Structure formats: structure tokens, C-alpha cells
C-alpha atoms as a PDB file:
ATOM      1  CA  MET A   1      43.428 110.263 -88.934  1.00  0.00           C
ATOM      2  CA  SER A   2      46.094 112.723 -89.737  1.00  0.00           C
ATOM      3  CA  LEU A   3      45.701 116.295 -90.765  1.00  0.00           C
ATOM      4  CA  LYS A   4      47.579 115.546 -94.014  1.00  0.00           C
ATOM      5  CA  SER A   5      45.710 114.340 -97.049  1.00  0.00           C
ATOM      6  CA  LEU A   6      46.892 110.893 -98.502  1.00  0.00           C
ATOM      7  CA  LEU A   7      43.954 110.985-100.950  1.00  0.00           C
ATOM      8  CA  PRO A   8      46.299 111.307-103.974  1.00  0.00           C
ATOM      9  CA  ILE A   9      47.868 107.823-102.997  1.00  0.00           C
ATOM     10  CA  ARG A  10      44.617 106.279-102.445  1.00  0.00           C
ATOM     11  CA  GLU A  11      43.246 107.589-105.944  1.00  0.00           C
ATOM     12  CA  GLN A  12      46.412 107.229-108.036  1.00  0.00           C
ATOM     13  CA  ARG A  13      47.829 104.148-106.463  1.00  0.00           C
ATOM     14  CA  PRO A  14      44.890 102.022-105.286  1.00  0.00           C
ATOM     15  CA  GLU A  15      47.182  99.030-104.632  1.00  0.00           C
ATOM     16  CA  LEU A  16      48.731 101.211-101.758  1.00  0.00           C
ATOM     17  CA  ARG A  17      45.315 102.189-100.263  1.00  0.00           C
ATOM     18  CA  GLU A  18      45.668  99.967 -97.210  1.00  0.00           C
ATOM     19  CA  ALA A  19      49.170 101.052 -96.623  1.00  0.00           C
ATOM     20  CA  ALA A  20      48.233 104.712 -96.996  1.00  0.00           C
ATOM     21  CA  ASP A  21      45.432 104.094 -94.517  1.00  0.00           C
ATOM     22  CA  GLN A  22      47.887 102.685 -92.064  1.00  0.00           C
ATOM     23  CA  LEU A  23      50.386 105.528 -92.525  1.00  0.00           C
ATOM     24  CA  ASP A  24      47.478 108.017 -92.153  1.00  0.00           C
ATOM     25  CA  HIS A  25      46.467 106.504 -88.926  1.00  0.00           C
ATOM     26  CA  TRP A  26      49.929 106.450 -87.698  1.00  0.00           C
ATOM     27  CA  LEU A  27      50.498 110.118 -88.699  1.00  0.00           C
ATOM     28  CA  GLY A  28      47.427 111.085 -86.792  1.00  0.00           C
ATOM     29  CA  SER A  29      48.909 109.601 -83.597  1.00  0.00           C
ATOM     30  CA  GLN A  30      52.166 111.593 -83.967  1.00  0.00           C
ATOM     31  CA  ARG A  31      53.045 114.711 -82.081  1.00  0.00           C
ATOM     32  CA  ARG A  32      54.191 116.345 -85.341  1.00  0.00           C
ATOM     33  CA  GLN A  33      52.201 115.220 -88.376  1.00  0.00           C
ATOM     34  CA  ASP A  34      54.121 117.472 -90.875  1.00  0.00           C
ATOM     35  CA  ILE A  35      57.507 115.827 -90.586  1.00  0.00           C
ATOM     36  CA  PHE A  36      58.692 112.236 -90.023  1.00  0.00           C
ATOM     37  CA  THR A  37      61.526 109.921 -90.634  1.00  0.00           C
ATOM     38  CA  SER A  38      61.509 106.584 -92.617  1.00  0.00           C
ATOM     39  CA  ARG A  39      63.166 105.046 -89.575  1.00  0.00           C
ATOM     40  CA  ARG A  40      60.131 105.662 -87.317  1.00  0.00           C
ATOM     41  CA  VAL A  41      57.634 104.684 -89.838  1.00  0.00           C
ATOM     42  CA  VAL A  42      59.512 101.202 -90.378  1.00  0.00           C
ATOM     43  CA  ARG A  43      59.887 100.781 -86.654  1.00  0.00           C
ATOM     44  CA  ASP A  44      56.294 101.605 -85.868  1.00  0.00           C
ATOM     45  CA  LEU A  45      54.481 100.127 -88.873  1.00  0.00           C
ATOM     46  CA  SER A  46      56.537  96.923 -89.730  1.00  0.00           C
ATOM     47  CA  ASP A  47      54.232  94.811 -87.660  1.00  0.00           C
ATOM     48  CA  VAL A  48      51.196  95.695 -90.075  1.00  0.00           C
ATOM     49  CA  LEU A  49      53.047  96.524 -93.360  1.00  0.00           C
ATOM     50  CA  SER A  50      55.804  94.772 -95.162  1.00  0.00           C
ATOM     51  CA  HIS A  51      58.966  96.718 -95.761  1.00  0.00           C
ATOM     52  CA  GLN A  52      58.085  96.781 -99.459  1.00  0.00           C
ATOM     53  CA  GLU A  53      54.674  98.346 -98.663  1.00  0.00           C
ATOM     54  CA  ILE A  54      56.281 101.027 -96.589  1.00  0.00           C
ATOM     55  CA  PHE A  55      58.888 101.625 -99.243  1.00  0.00           C
ATOM     56  CA  ASP A  56      56.320 101.914-102.003  1.00  0.00           C
ATOM     57  CA  THR A  57      54.018 104.213 -99.925  1.00  0.00           C
ATOM     58  CA  LEU A  58      56.868 106.578 -99.040  1.00  0.00           C
ATOM     59  CA  GLN A  59      58.074 106.540-102.690  1.00  0.00           C
ATOM     60  CA  ALA A  60      54.612 107.475-103.752  1.00  0.00           C
ATOM     61  CA  LEU A  61      54.434 110.342-101.367  1.00  0.00           C
ATOM     62  CA  ARG A  62      57.709 111.697-103.025  1.00  0.00           C
ATOM     63  CA  GLU A  63      56.553 110.881-106.576  1.00  0.00           C
ATOM     64  CA  LEU A  64      53.182 112.571-106.215  1.00  0.00           C
ATOM     65  CA  GLY A  65      54.869 115.707-104.769  1.00  0.00           C
ATOM     66  CA  LEU A  66      53.248 115.455-101.411  1.00  0.00           C
ATOM     67  CA  VAL A  67      56.495 115.628 -99.499  1.00  0.00           C
ATOM     68  CA  ARG A  68      60.098 116.964 -99.801  1.00  0.00           C
ATOM     69  CA  VAL A  69      62.859 114.467 -98.679  1.00  0.00           C
ATOM     70  CA  TYR A  70      66.041 115.416 -97.077  1.00  0.00           C
ATOM     71  CA  TYR A  71      68.594 113.967 -94.553  1.00  0.00           C
ATOM     72  CA  ARG A  72      69.662 115.040 -91.142  1.00  0.00           C
ATOM     73  CA  VAL A  73      71.726 113.751 -88.404  1.00  0.00           C
ATOM     74  CA  ILE A  74      70.499 112.075 -85.221  1.00  0.00           C
ATOM     75  CA  ASP A  75      72.199 112.804 -82.026  1.00  0.00           C
ATOM     76  CA  GLN A  76      73.008 110.537 -79.142  1.00  0.00           C
ATOM     77  CA  GLN A  77      69.646 111.255 -77.486  1.00  0.00           C
ATOM     78  CA  GLY A  78      67.732 110.543 -80.746  1.00  0.00           C
ATOM     79  CA  GLY A  79      66.969 114.096 -81.777  1.00  0.00           C
ATOM     80  CA  LEU A  80      67.484 115.531 -85.220  1.00  0.00           C
ATOM     81  CA  VAL A  81      70.358 118.207 -85.167  1.00  0.00           C
ATOM     82  CA  GLY A  82      71.957 120.392 -87.640  1.00  0.00           C
ATOM     83  CA  LYS A  83      70.878 121.452 -91.144  1.00  0.00           C
ATOM     84  CA  CYS A  84      69.131 119.540 -93.899  1.00  0.00           C
ATOM     85  CA  TYR A  85      71.093 117.854 -96.582  1.00  0.00           C
ATOM     86  CA  GLY A  86      70.085 116.834-100.038  1.00  0.00           C
ATOM     87  CA  THR A  87      71.966 113.475 -99.951  1.00  0.00           C
ATOM     88  CA  PRO A  88      73.591 111.503 -97.276  1.00  0.00           C
ATOM     89  CA  ASP A  89      77.019 112.073 -98.801  1.00  0.00           C
ATOM     90  CA  GLU A  90      76.758 115.801 -98.221  1.00  0.00           C
ATOM     91  CA  ILE A  91      76.610 115.171 -94.335  1.00  0.00           C
ATOM     92  CA  PRO A  92      79.956 116.011 -92.576  1.00  0.00           C
ATOM     93  CA  HIS A  93      81.775 113.311 -90.587  1.00  0.00           C
ATOM     94  CA  GLU A  94      81.257 115.253 -87.311  1.00  0.00           C
ATOM     95  CA  ALA A  95      78.151 117.068 -85.848  1.00  0.00           C
ATOM     96  CA  SER A  96      77.262 118.970 -82.661  1.00  0.00           C
ATOM     97  CA  ASP A  97      74.272 118.048 -80.429  1.00  0.00           C
ATOM     98  CA  ALA A  98      72.027 120.474 -78.842  1.00  0.00           C
ATOM     99  CA  TYR A  99      74.594 120.949 -76.009  1.00  0.00           C
ATOM    100  CA  GLY A 100      77.494 121.777 -78.310  1.00  0.00           C
ATOM    101  CA  ASP A 101      79.113 118.335 -77.739  1.00  0.00           C
ATOM    102  CA  VAL A 102      80.755 117.043 -80.927  1.00  0.00           C
ATOM    103  CA  PHE A 103      80.276 113.496 -82.095  1.00  0.00           C
ATOM    104  CA  GLU A 104      81.185 111.346 -84.992  1.00  0.00           C
ATOM    105  CA  VAL A 105      78.469 110.832 -87.658  1.00  0.00           C
ATOM    106  CA  ASP A 106      78.233 107.359 -89.248  1.00  0.00           C
ATOM    107  CA  ARG A 107      75.526 106.006 -91.465  1.00  0.00           C
ATOM    108  CA  THR A 108      73.446 104.815 -88.465  1.00  0.00           C
ATOM    109  CA  ARG A 109      73.138 108.502 -87.389  1.00  0.00           C
ATOM    110  CA  ILE A 110      71.661 109.575 -90.576  1.00  0.00           C
ATOM    111  CA  ALA A 111      67.831 109.919 -90.987  1.00  0.00           C
ATOM    112  CA  GLN A 112      65.839 110.290 -94.132  1.00  0.00           C
ATOM    113  CA  VAL A 113      63.289 112.839 -93.355  1.00  0.00           C
ATOM    114  CA  PHE A 114      59.869 113.360 -95.070  1.00  0.00           C
ATOM    115  CA  GLU A 115      58.279 116.768 -94.709  1.00  0.00           C
ATOM    116  CA  PHE A 116      54.771 117.478 -96.219  1.00  0.00           C
ATOM    117  CA  ILE A 117      54.617 120.223 -98.599  1.00  0.00           C
ATOM    118  CA  LYS A 118      52.198 122.902 -97.443  1.00  0.00           C
END
């Protein structure tokens, strides 16, 4: 189980209880439990949850005020780089990786990030 409480989802959205349990278990297995991308959740949980269940659970996290959501750029190595943006449209067309190398940013390099509110 994760260190973050998904109890509000279980209580207020009982139809998402199983999905919240799956997400909770997944979070517990992650190196960082306070921040994650929707891309990784879909990749790792789509074999046990439908895309709709994942979407609804992530949306519930947001609606219940458990997370803040922002967007970041993914570099060629798969790491998040640069600052946080409120919308994908705010992200510049070029970014620099951790080594200072500039690369072009397209939609496939934009990650939706969820960060638990402390």
C-alpha cells in the first residue's frame, strides 16, 4: 500500500473503490509515491483497469483536491525536465535535457503530472 491516502475516493466514489485499490497498490510499489504521470499509470495498470476506470480515478483525485495537476516535458532518456506548466499549450517548442542538449518538443514529449497535495 502507498503512503498516500486514497480513502476519500473509496468513501465518496464507491464505484471507483477497486480502481483506487489498484492505484494504491501501484503507488506503493513506486520509488516516488508523491508524484506520478498519467502515462505511467496507463502503461502499468491498463492490464487490470480499463482506460475509463483509470481516467475516472485520476479525475476523482483532482476533483477531491488530493492532487495538483501540471504538465512537464519528457526528455530523450524518459526523465522529466524543465519547469511545470499549467497547460500543454504553455510548453515551448524546444527544451533542454539534463546535459543542456536542446531538443524539439512535440505532444508525445508532454507528460501530465499528478502530485499529491501535502
